[in-house]
Amino acid sequence: MGLTNDKSQLLPSDEDLKFYQEHGWYISQKIISDEEIEEALKGCQKIHSGVRDYQLPVQLPIQINWTPEQNLDSFRCNDFIIQQSIEIRKLALNPLIGRIASYLSSSDQIRLFISSLLYKPPGEFDDSVKVGWHNDRAYWKTCTSLNMLTAWIPLHDCNDSMGTIMMIDGSHKWSNNPTLLELRQEKNFSTTKMESLERRLEATGFSIKKIPMNLKKGQVSFHHCLTFHGSYPNQSHLPRISVVLHLQDKSNKYQIAKNKNGKIFVNNLDELCRKLPDGIPDYSDPLFCPVLWEKK
């Protein structure tokens, strides 16, 4: 099934924008064609068989560079996927994704920040196949923008039974208190303490309303960089496969950030992208941070 010729009807309305600003997430109409998804699945199969169309110049940590030598029944993550897979790159460059992100973030330009291929195996129920409650900003401390967002693209219909991504409604607007600030700064994507994280979220004093992103194939969910999200195990009989595009608005640049121990915070992108004349990472590098949409 393809898409209609008039793509403007697939864009968010003014009411959709208000919803995103209030709730911190948005689900698109079907904006990815079945043909694009089938091509992306071919790329996924190649990656999971160990084939890369291109090799990265730096070896990635094992937890974000799954290979067949690792546990086949594990949660699989492959970052910088569009720099390694031709087919998945084509999917990511669909202009509707960038155009919708541009509208939601009120930015005249959207660039890629980091892309990922995620695979959640079926029938596994321990914490290793859960995604802990986190906000993406915890991983983007070197970014100047607080307006970044993420597009999540399942390559099939996806619902609660498959462990779809879940948003904590309106959490991007919560005002900081000590408990919340600590959670916002923690990198809890990979966790063995899901129940503990839920108790800590409840201790913030804010109302916890979990919204599953139940999507039909071809739909895309978008969420703000401060929106808490996570997911539970895949209880279906099929793998949950998704492409994640972390997106930066036009204003975003690199800034020096430090960890609690005083050491410089390093994003994996900092090791890969080109450097500006003063030696700092260039978050407009066309190879690693291509423009997905720009207002003409």
C-alpha atoms as a PDB file:
ATOM      1  CA  MET A   1       0.000   0.000   0.000  1.00  0.00           C
ATOM      2  CA  GLY A   2       1.431   3.376  -0.985  1.00  0.00           C
ATOM      3  CA  LEU A   3       0.688   6.893   0.189  1.00  0.00           C
ATOM      4  CA  THR A   4      -1.575   9.510  -1.348  1.00  0.00           C
ATOM      5  CA  ASN A   5      -0.049  12.061  -3.702  1.00  0.00           C
ATOM      6  CA  ASP A   6      -1.185  15.007  -1.582  1.00  0.00           C
ATOM      7  CA  LYS A   7       1.288  14.730   1.287  1.00  0.00           C
ATOM      8  CA  SER A   8       0.095  17.950   2.953  1.00  0.00           C
ATOM      9  CA  GLN A   9      -2.876  16.118   4.445  1.00  0.00           C
ATOM     10  CA  LEU A  10      -0.436  13.869   6.302  1.00  0.00           C
ATOM     11  CA  LEU A  11       1.083  16.755   8.264  1.00  0.00           C
ATOM     12  CA  PRO A  12       0.042  17.674  11.832  1.00  0.00           C
ATOM     13  CA  SER A  13      -2.744  20.204  12.264  1.00  0.00           C
ATOM     14  CA  ASP A  14      -2.597  23.208  14.572  1.00  0.00           C
ATOM     15  CA  GLU A  15      -4.547  21.113  17.083  1.00  0.00           C
ATOM     16  CA  ASP A  16      -1.932  18.361  16.790  1.00  0.00           C
ATOM     17  CA  LEU A  17       0.782  20.892  17.572  1.00  0.00           C
ATOM     18  CA  LYS A  18      -1.089  22.059  20.669  1.00  0.00           C
ATOM     19  CA  PHE A  19      -1.484  18.420  21.707  1.00  0.00           C
ATOM     20  CA  TYR A  20       2.258  17.774  21.318  1.00  0.00           C
ATOM     21  CA  GLN A  21       3.129  20.880  23.313  1.00  0.00           C
ATOM     22  CA  GLU A  22       0.796  19.806  26.117  1.00  0.00           C
ATOM     23  CA  HIS A  23       1.427  16.053  26.196  1.00  0.00           C
ATOM     24  CA  GLY A  24       5.005  15.721  24.897  1.00  0.00           C
ATOM     25  CA  TRP A  25       4.212  13.157  22.200  1.00  0.00           C
ATOM     26  CA  TYR A  26       2.398  12.827  18.878  1.00  0.00           C
ATOM     27  CA  ILE A  27       1.379   9.915  16.625  1.00  0.00           C
ATOM     28  CA  SER A  28       1.399  10.583  12.892  1.00  0.00           C
ATOM     29  CA  GLN A  29      -0.848   9.231  10.215  1.00  0.00           C
ATOM     30  CA  LYS A  30       0.604   6.548   7.938  1.00  0.00           C
ATOM     31  CA  ILE A  31       3.576   8.400   6.457  1.00  0.00           C
ATOM     32  CA  ILE A  32       5.859   5.455   5.627  1.00  0.00           C
ATOM     33  CA  SER A  33       4.826   3.258   2.701  1.00  0.00           C
ATOM     34  CA  ASP A  34       4.761  -0.525   2.893  1.00  0.00           C
ATOM     35  CA  GLU A  35       7.449  -0.595   0.216  1.00  0.00           C
ATOM     36  CA  GLU A  36       9.784   1.585   2.308  1.00  0.00           C
ATOM     37  CA  ILE A  37       9.226  -0.650   5.311  1.00  0.00           C
ATOM     38  CA  GLU A  38       9.911  -3.824   3.334  1.00  0.00           C
ATOM     39  CA  GLU A  39      13.189  -2.321   2.133  1.00  0.00           C
ATOM     40  CA  ALA A  40      14.119  -1.341   5.693  1.00  0.00           C
ATOM     41  CA  LEU A  41      13.382  -4.894   6.881  1.00  0.00           C
ATOM     42  CA  LYS A  42      15.819  -6.193   4.257  1.00  0.00           C
ATOM     43  CA  GLY A  43      18.427  -3.858   5.729  1.00  0.00           C
ATOM     44  CA  CYS A  44      17.580  -5.114   9.208  1.00  0.00           C
ATOM     45  CA  GLN A  45      18.086  -8.722   8.110  1.00  0.00           C
ATOM     46  CA  LYS A  46      21.485  -7.835   6.672  1.00  0.00           C
ATOM     47  CA  ILE A  47      22.560  -6.075   9.883  1.00  0.00           C
ATOM     48  CA  HIS A  48      21.407  -8.998  12.025  1.00  0.00           C
ATOM     49  CA  SER A  49      23.334 -11.421   9.830  1.00  0.00           C
ATOM     50  CA  GLY A  50      26.481  -9.369  10.353  1.00  0.00           C
ATOM     51  CA  VAL A  51      26.524  -7.563   6.986  1.00  0.00           C
ATOM     52  CA  ARG A  52      27.266  -3.831   6.883  1.00  0.00           C
ATOM     53  CA  ASP A  53      27.027  -1.762   3.718  1.00  0.00           C
ATOM     54  CA  TYR A  54      29.536   0.683   5.222  1.00  0.00           C
ATOM     55  CA  GLN A  55      31.937   0.445   8.133  1.00  0.00           C
ATOM     56  CA  LEU A  56      32.146   3.115  10.809  1.00  0.00           C
ATOM     57  CA  PRO A  57      35.565   4.728  11.368  1.00  0.00           C
ATOM     58  CA  VAL A  58      35.400   4.018  15.114  1.00  0.00           C
ATOM     59  CA  GLN A  59      34.511   0.775  16.893  1.00  0.00           C
ATOM     60  CA  LEU A  60      31.329   1.252  18.923  1.00  0.00           C
ATOM     61  CA  PRO A  61      30.762  -0.155  22.422  1.00  0.00           C
ATOM     62  CA  ILE A  62      29.292  -3.652  22.280  1.00  0.00           C
ATOM     63  CA  GLN A  63      25.983  -2.594  23.880  1.00  0.00           C
ATOM     64  CA  ILE A  64      25.151  -0.332  20.915  1.00  0.00           C
ATOM     65  CA  ASN A  65      26.720  -2.505  18.211  1.00  0.00           C
ATOM     66  CA  TRP A  66      24.956  -5.879  18.262  1.00  0.00           C
ATOM     67  CA  THR A  67      26.543  -8.658  16.217  1.00  0.00           C
ATOM     68  CA  PRO A  68      25.537 -12.294  15.654  1.00  0.00           C
ATOM     69  CA  GLU A  69      28.255 -13.379  18.074  1.00  0.00           C
ATOM     70  CA  GLN A  70      26.112 -12.023  20.886  1.00  0.00           C
ATOM     71  CA  ASN A  71      23.029 -13.674  22.400  1.00  0.00           C
ATOM     72  CA  LEU A  72      20.419 -14.155  19.667  1.00  0.00           C
ATOM     73  CA  ASP A  73      17.575 -13.912  22.195  1.00  0.00           C
ATOM     74  CA  SER A  74      18.775 -10.616  23.636  1.00  0.00           C
ATOM     75  CA  PHE A  75      17.658  -7.048  23.136  1.00  0.00           C
ATOM     76  CA  ARG A  76      19.632  -5.787  20.135  1.00  0.00           C
ATOM     77  CA  CYS A  77      20.730  -2.214  19.554  1.00  0.00           C
ATOM     78  CA  ASN A  78      22.689  -0.901  16.578  1.00  0.00           C
ATOM     79  CA  ASP A  79      23.421   2.819  16.730  1.00  0.00           C
ATOM     80  CA  PHE A  80      24.452   4.981  13.776  1.00  0.00           C
ATOM     81  CA  ILE A  81      22.432   2.606  11.654  1.00  0.00           C
ATOM     82  CA  ILE A  82      21.893   4.927   8.680  1.00  0.00           C
ATOM     83  CA  GLN A  83      25.665   5.185   8.269  1.00  0.00           C
ATOM     84  CA  GLN A  84      25.794   1.366   7.989  1.00  0.00           C
ATOM     85  CA  SER A  85      22.648   0.359   6.090  1.00  0.00           C
ATOM     86  CA  ILE A  86      21.600   1.687   2.679  1.00  0.00           C
ATOM     87  CA  GLU A  87      18.013   0.495   3.079  1.00  0.00           C
ATOM     88  CA  ILE A  88      17.471   1.977   6.534  1.00  0.00           C
ATOM     89  CA  ARG A  89      19.060   5.236   5.412  1.00  0.00           C
ATOM     90  CA  LYS A  90      16.411   5.504   2.691  1.00  0.00           C
ATOM     91  CA  LEU A  91      13.690   5.124   5.318  1.00  0.00           C
ATOM     92  CA  ALA A  92      15.240   7.755   7.578  1.00  0.00           C
ATOM     93  CA  LEU A  93      15.485  10.276   4.744  1.00  0.00           C
ATOM     94  CA  ASN A  94      11.734  10.206   4.104  1.00  0.00           C
ATOM     95  CA  PRO A  95      11.088  13.987   4.022  1.00  0.00           C
ATOM     96  CA  LEU A  96       7.778  13.702   5.880  1.00  0.00           C
ATOM     97  CA  ILE A  97       9.602  12.642   9.044  1.00  0.00           C
ATOM     98  CA  GLY A  98      11.775  15.741   9.076  1.00  0.00           C
ATOM     99  CA  ARG A  99       8.918  17.977   8.011  1.00  0.00           C
ATOM    100  CA  ILE A 100       6.682  16.795  10.861  1.00  0.00           C
ATOM    101  CA  ALA A 101       9.541  17.168  13.354  1.00  0.00           C
ATOM    102  CA  SER A 102      10.146  20.675  12.025  1.00  0.00           C
ATOM    103  CA  TYR A 103       6.540  21.625  12.662  1.00  0.00           C
ATOM    104  CA  LEU A 104       6.393  20.074  16.134  1.00  0.00           C
ATOM    105  CA  SER A 105       9.623  21.750  17.225  1.00  0.00           C
ATOM    106  CA  SER A 106       8.865  25.067  15.461  1.00  0.00           C
ATOM    107  CA  SER A 107      12.240  24.899  13.749  1.00  0.00           C
ATOM    108  CA  ASP A 108      13.055  25.830  10.144  1.00  0.00           C
ATOM    109  CA  GLN A 109      15.492  22.936   9.926  1.00  0.00           C
ATOM    110  CA  ILE A 110      15.743  19.379  11.271  1.00  0.00           C
ATOM    111  CA  ARG A 111      19.003  17.444  11.289  1.00  0.00           C
ATOM    112  CA  LEU A 112      19.618  13.887  12.339  1.00  0.00           C
ATOM    113  CA  PHE A 113      21.487  13.461  15.611  1.00  0.00           C
ATOM    114  CA  ILE A 114      21.766   9.680  16.072  1.00  0.00           C
ATOM    115  CA  SER A 115      19.877   6.773  14.499  1.00  0.00           C
ATOM    116  CA  SER A 116      19.303   3.301  15.954  1.00  0.00           C
ATOM    117  CA  LEU A 117      17.935  -0.088  14.960  1.00  0.00           C
ATOM    118  CA  LEU A 118      16.253  -1.821  17.909  1.00  0.00           C
ATOM    119  CA  TYR A 119      15.151  -5.449  18.155  1.00  0.00           C
ATOM    120  CA  LYS A 120      13.149  -6.764  21.089  1.00  0.00           C
ATOM    121  CA  PRO A 121      12.903 -10.577  21.076  1.00  0.00           C
ATOM    122  CA  PRO A 122       9.564 -12.331  21.649  1.00  0.00           C
ATOM    123  CA  GLY A 123       8.784 -14.364  24.716  1.00  0.00           C
ATOM    124  CA  GLU A 124      11.514 -12.949  26.970  1.00  0.00           C
ATOM    125  CA  PHE A 125      10.353 -11.347  30.209  1.00  0.00           C
ATOM    126  CA  ASP A 126      13.308 -10.296  32.355  1.00  0.00           C
ATOM    127  CA  ASP A 127      14.571  -6.743  32.819  1.00  0.00           C
ATOM    128  CA  SER A 128      17.159  -7.148  30.065  1.00  0.00           C
ATOM    129  CA  VAL A 129      14.415  -6.795  27.447  1.00  0.00           C
ATOM    130  CA  LYS A 130      12.716  -3.853  29.121  1.00  0.00           C
ATOM    131  CA  VAL A 131      13.614  -0.246  28.388  1.00  0.00           C
ATOM    132  CA  GLY A 132      13.839   1.730  31.612  1.00  0.00           C
ATOM    133  CA  TRP A 133      12.033   5.000  32.197  1.00  0.00           C
ATOM    134  CA  HIS A 134      14.274   7.777  30.934  1.00  0.00           C
ATOM    135  CA  ASN A 135      14.273  10.969  28.928  1.00  0.00           C
ATOM    136  CA  ASP A 136      16.555  11.342  25.934  1.00  0.00           C
ATOM    137  CA  ARG A 137      18.049  14.572  27.257  1.00  0.00           C
ATOM    138  CA  ALA A 138      20.081  12.506  29.743  1.00  0.00           C
ATOM    139  CA  TYR A 139      22.091  11.238  26.763  1.00  0.00           C
ATOM    140  CA  TRP A 140      22.304  14.642  25.084  1.00  0.00           C
ATOM    141  CA  LYS A 141      24.041  16.754  27.721  1.00  0.00           C
ATOM    142  CA  THR A 142      26.445  18.073  25.094  1.00  0.00           C
ATOM    143  CA  CYS A 143      23.529  19.608  23.176  1.00  0.00           C
ATOM    144  CA  THR A 144      22.554  23.242  23.652  1.00  0.00           C
ATOM    145  CA  SER A 145      18.936  22.719  22.577  1.00  0.00           C
ATOM    146  CA  LEU A 146      16.117  21.663  24.893  1.00  0.00           C
ATOM    147  CA  ASN A 147      13.819  21.386  21.900  1.00  0.00           C
ATOM    148  CA  MET A 148      15.136  18.172  20.365  1.00  0.00           C
ATOM    149  CA  LEU A 149      12.830  15.247  19.701  1.00  0.00           C
ATOM    150  CA  THR A 150      12.758  11.605  18.683  1.00  0.00           C
ATOM    151  CA  ALA A 151      10.889   9.734  15.953  1.00  0.00           C
ATOM    152  CA  TRP A 152      10.098   6.074  16.691  1.00  0.00           C
ATOM    153  CA  ILE A 153       9.262   3.903  13.671  1.00  0.00           C
ATOM    154  CA  PRO A 154       8.121   0.302  14.217  1.00  0.00           C
ATOM    155  CA  LEU A 155       8.467  -1.800  11.063  1.00  0.00           C
ATOM    156  CA  HIS A 156       5.107  -3.519  11.638  1.00  0.00           C
ATOM    157  CA  ASP A 157       1.906  -3.025  13.581  1.00  0.00           C
ATOM    158  CA  CYS A 158       2.889  -2.555  17.218  1.00  0.00           C
ATOM    159  CA  ASN A 159       0.821  -2.655  20.417  1.00  0.00           C
ATOM    160  CA  ASP A 160       1.014  -3.406  24.143  1.00  0.00           C
ATOM    161  CA  SER A 161       1.565  -7.129  23.605  1.00  0.00           C
ATOM    162  CA  MET A 162       4.760  -6.422  21.637  1.00  0.00           C
ATOM    163  CA  GLY A 163       6.212  -4.155  24.290  1.00  0.00           C
ATOM    164  CA  THR A 164       5.558  -0.953  22.393  1.00  0.00           C
ATOM    165  CA  ILE A 165       7.158   2.274  23.574  1.00  0.00           C
ATOM    166  CA  MET A 166       5.173   4.015  26.320  1.00  0.00           C
ATOM    167  CA  MET A 167       5.113   7.730  27.143  1.00  0.00           C
ATOM    168  CA  ILE A 168       4.537   9.275  30.534  1.00  0.00           C
ATOM    169  CA  ASP A 169       2.013  11.853  29.500  1.00  0.00           C
ATOM    170  CA  GLY A 170       3.013  15.489  29.986  1.00  0.00           C
ATOM    171  CA  SER A 171       6.256  14.635  31.796  1.00  0.00           C
ATOM    172  CA  HIS A 172       8.249  17.033  29.594  1.00  0.00           C
ATOM    173  CA  LYS A 173       6.499  19.910  31.381  1.00  0.00           C
ATOM    174  CA  TRP A 174       7.166  18.776  34.939  1.00  0.00           C
ATOM    175  CA  SER A 175       9.042  21.356  37.002  1.00  0.00           C
ATOM    176  CA  ASN A 176      12.224  20.066  38.578  1.00  0.00           C
ATOM    177  CA  ASN A 177      12.464  18.904  42.164  1.00  0.00           C
ATOM    178  CA  PRO A 178      15.477  16.993  43.554  1.00  0.00           C
ATOM    179  CA  THR A 179      13.981  13.547  42.842  1.00  0.00           C
ATOM    180  CA  LEU A 180      12.924  14.450  39.312  1.00  0.00           C
ATOM    181  CA  LEU A 181      16.172  16.246  38.489  1.00  0.00           C
ATOM    182  CA  GLU A 182      18.171  13.168  39.469  1.00  0.00           C
ATOM    183  CA  LEU A 183      16.001  10.931  37.267  1.00  0.00           C
ATOM    184  CA  ARG A 184      16.231  13.338  34.349  1.00  0.00           C
ATOM    185  CA  GLN A 185      20.019  13.148  34.424  1.00  0.00           C
ATOM    186  CA  GLU A 186      20.292   9.349  34.641  1.00  0.00           C
ATOM    187  CA  LYS A 187      20.932   7.129  31.614  1.00  0.00           C
ATOM    188  CA  ASN A 188      18.333   4.464  32.390  1.00  0.00           C
ATOM    189  CA  PHE A 189      17.592   3.065  28.935  1.00  0.00           C
ATOM    190  CA  SER A 190      19.246  -0.209  29.912  1.00  0.00           C
ATOM    191  CA  THR A 191      18.160  -1.183  33.394  1.00  0.00           C
ATOM    192  CA  THR A 192      17.793  -4.136  35.733  1.00  0.00           C
ATOM    193  CA  LYS A 193      15.720  -2.054  38.137  1.00  0.00           C
ATOM    194  CA  MET A 194      12.467  -1.311  36.328  1.00  0.00           C
ATOM    195  CA  GLU A 195      10.279  -1.593  39.430  1.00  0.00           C
ATOM    196  CA  SER A 196      12.645   0.627  41.396  1.00  0.00           C
ATOM    197  CA  LEU A 197      12.520   3.241  38.631  1.00  0.00           C
ATOM    198  CA  GLU A 198       8.729   3.214  38.726  1.00  0.00           C
ATOM    199  CA  ARG A 199       8.725   3.797  42.487  1.00  0.00           C
ATOM    200  CA  ARG A 200      11.151   6.686  42.081  1.00  0.00           C
ATOM    201  CA  LEU A 201       8.954   8.228  39.394  1.00  0.00           C
ATOM    202  CA  GLU A 202       5.951   7.986  41.700  1.00  0.00           C
ATOM    203  CA  ALA A 203       8.031   9.670  44.417  1.00  0.00           C
ATOM    204  CA  THR A 204       8.366  12.791  42.261  1.00  0.00           C
ATOM    205  CA  GLY A 205       4.818  13.664  43.289  1.00  0.00           C
ATOM    206  CA  PHE A 206       3.603  14.048  39.711  1.00  0.00           C
ATOM    207  CA  SER A 207       0.709  12.087  38.232  1.00  0.00           C
ATOM    208  CA  ILE A 208       2.042   9.081  36.301  1.00  0.00           C
ATOM    209  CA  LYS A 209      -0.083   8.380  33.240  1.00  0.00           C
ATOM    210  CA  LYS A 210       1.438   5.811  30.886  1.00  0.00           C
ATOM    211  CA  ILE A 211       0.345   5.999  27.260  1.00  0.00           C
ATOM    212  CA  PRO A 212       1.260   3.107  24.936  1.00  0.00           C
ATOM    213  CA  MET A 213       2.185   4.096  21.389  1.00  0.00           C
ATOM    214  CA  ASN A 214      -0.044   1.576  19.616  1.00  0.00           C
ATOM    215  CA  LEU A 215       0.817   2.146  15.970  1.00  0.00           C
ATOM    216  CA  LYS A 216      -0.180   0.674  12.657  1.00  0.00           C
ATOM    217  CA  LYS A 217       2.601  -0.108  10.191  1.00  0.00           C
ATOM    218  CA  GLY A 218       3.675   3.148   8.577  1.00  0.00           C
ATOM    219  CA  GLN A 219       2.772   5.388  11.503  1.00  0.00           C
ATOM    220  CA  VAL A 220       5.502   7.185  13.460  1.00  0.00           C
ATOM    221  CA  SER A 221       5.468   8.448  17.032  1.00  0.00           C
ATOM    222  CA  PHE A 222       7.355  11.598  18.023  1.00  0.00           C
ATOM    223  CA  HIS A 223       8.311  12.637  21.547  1.00  0.00           C
ATOM    224  CA  HIS A 224      10.006  15.600  23.211  1.00  0.00           C
ATOM    225  CA  CYS A 225      13.518  15.154  24.596  1.00  0.00           C
ATOM    226  CA  LEU A 226      12.271  15.648  28.178  1.00  0.00           C
ATOM    227  CA  THR A 227       9.344  13.210  27.925  1.00  0.00           C
ATOM    228  CA  PHE A 228       9.907  10.122  30.060  1.00  0.00           C
ATOM    229  CA  HIS A 229       9.374   6.886  28.165  1.00  0.00           C
ATOM    230  CA  GLY A 230      10.196   3.199  28.380  1.00  0.00           C
ATOM    231  CA  SER A 231       8.786  -0.187  27.446  1.00  0.00           C
ATOM    232  CA  TYR A 232       7.920  -3.618  28.790  1.00  0.00           C
ATOM    233  CA  PRO A 233       8.781  -7.087  27.396  1.00  0.00           C
ATOM    234  CA  ASN A 234       7.536  -8.361  24.061  1.00  0.00           C
ATOM    235  CA  GLN A 235       4.878 -10.930  24.954  1.00  0.00           C
ATOM    236  CA  SER A 236       3.945 -11.729  21.358  1.00  0.00           C
ATOM    237  CA  HIS A 237       5.375 -14.490  19.176  1.00  0.00           C
ATOM    238  CA  LEU A 238       7.054 -12.033  16.779  1.00  0.00           C
ATOM    239  CA  PRO A 239      10.109  -9.789  17.278  1.00  0.00           C
ATOM    240  CA  ARG A 240       9.532  -6.076  17.815  1.00  0.00           C
ATOM    241  CA  ILE A 241      11.711  -4.215  15.306  1.00  0.00           C
ATOM    242  CA  SER A 242      11.973  -0.436  15.154  1.00  0.00           C
ATOM    243  CA  VAL A 243      14.096   2.360  13.764  1.00  0.00           C
ATOM    244  CA  VAL A 244      14.736   5.323  16.053  1.00  0.00           C
ATOM    245  CA  LEU A 245      15.734   8.747  14.765  1.00  0.00           C
ATOM    246  CA  HIS A 246      16.964  11.246  17.324  1.00  0.00           C
ATOM    247  CA  LEU A 247      16.484  14.675  15.792  1.00  0.00           C
ATOM    248  CA  GLN A 248      17.987  18.096  16.399  1.00  0.00           C
ATOM    249  CA  ASP A 249      16.460  21.458  15.620  1.00  0.00           C
ATOM    250  CA  LYS A 250      18.342  24.179  13.746  1.00  0.00           C
ATOM    251  CA  SER A 251      19.669  25.927  16.857  1.00  0.00           C
ATOM    252  CA  ASN A 252      21.401  22.905  18.370  1.00  0.00           C
ATOM    253  CA  LYS A 253      25.169  22.999  18.795  1.00  0.00           C
ATOM    254  CA  TYR A 254      27.813  21.252  20.888  1.00  0.00           C
ATOM    255  CA  GLN A 255      28.521  22.407  24.424  1.00  0.00           C
ATOM    256  CA  ILE A 256      30.947  21.091  27.013  1.00  0.00           C
ATOM    257  CA  ALA A 257      29.186  19.079  29.705  1.00  0.00           C
ATOM    258  CA  LYS A 258      30.578  17.269  32.716  1.00  0.00           C
ATOM    259  CA  ASN A 259      29.555  14.180  34.642  1.00  0.00           C
ATOM    260  CA  LYS A 260      29.085  14.172  38.414  1.00  0.00           C
ATOM    261  CA  ASN A 261      32.727  13.166  38.811  1.00  0.00           C
ATOM    262  CA  GLY A 262      33.841  16.258  36.908  1.00  0.00           C
ATOM    263  CA  LYS A 263      34.942  14.377  33.791  1.00  0.00           C
ATOM    264  CA  ILE A 264      33.924  15.658  30.365  1.00  0.00           C
ATOM    265  CA  PHE A 265      30.709  14.015  29.138  1.00  0.00           C
ATOM    266  CA  VAL A 266      31.285  12.353  25.759  1.00  0.00           C
ATOM    267  CA  ASN A 267      28.495  11.409  23.375  1.00  0.00           C
ATOM    268  CA  ASN A 268      29.366   8.638  20.924  1.00  0.00           C
ATOM    269  CA  LEU A 269      28.656  11.070  18.097  1.00  0.00           C
ATOM    270  CA  ASP A 270      31.523  13.246  19.363  1.00  0.00           C
ATOM    271  CA  GLU A 271      33.964  10.486  18.414  1.00  0.00           C
ATOM    272  CA  LEU A 272      32.563  10.089  14.903  1.00  0.00           C
ATOM    273  CA  CYS A 273      31.520  13.442  13.471  1.00  0.00           C
ATOM    274  CA  ARG A 274      33.915  15.969  11.961  1.00  0.00           C
ATOM    275  CA  LYS A 275      35.431  18.711  14.104  1.00  0.00           C
ATOM    276  CA  LEU A 276      35.167  22.473  13.769  1.00  0.00           C
ATOM    277  CA  PRO A 277      38.354  24.586  13.509  1.00  0.00           C
ATOM    278  CA  ASP A 278      38.454  24.968  17.309  1.00  0.00           C
ATOM    279  CA  GLY A 279      38.343  21.185  17.724  1.00  0.00           C
ATOM    280  CA  ILE A 280      34.802  20.781  19.013  1.00  0.00           C
ATOM    281  CA  PRO A 281      32.351  18.300  17.422  1.00  0.00           C
ATOM    282  CA  ASP A 282      30.316  19.641  14.504  1.00  0.00           C
ATOM    283  CA  TYR A 283      26.668  18.664  14.979  1.00  0.00           C
ATOM    284  CA  SER A 284      25.960  19.822  11.428  1.00  0.00           C
ATOM    285  CA  ASP A 285      28.333  17.293   9.856  1.00  0.00           C
ATOM    286  CA  PRO A 286      26.465  16.257   6.652  1.00  0.00           C
ATOM    287  CA  LEU A 287      27.664  12.656   6.918  1.00  0.00           C
ATOM    288  CA  PHE A 288      26.562  11.964  10.486  1.00  0.00           C
ATOM    289  CA  CYS A 289      23.991  14.736  10.936  1.00  0.00           C
ATOM    290  CA  PRO A 290      22.319  15.140   7.547  1.00  0.00           C
ATOM    291  CA  VAL A 291      19.542  17.686   7.096  1.00  0.00           C
ATOM    292  CA  LEU A 292      16.209  15.837   6.938  1.00  0.00           C
ATOM    293  CA  TRP A 293      14.068  18.896   6.318  1.00  0.00           C
ATOM    294  CA  GLU A 294      14.667  22.576   5.765  1.00  0.00           C
ATOM    295  CA  LYS A 295      12.201  25.343   5.039  1.00  0.00           C
ATOM    296  CA  LYS A 296      12.953  26.926   1.680  1.00  0.00           C
END
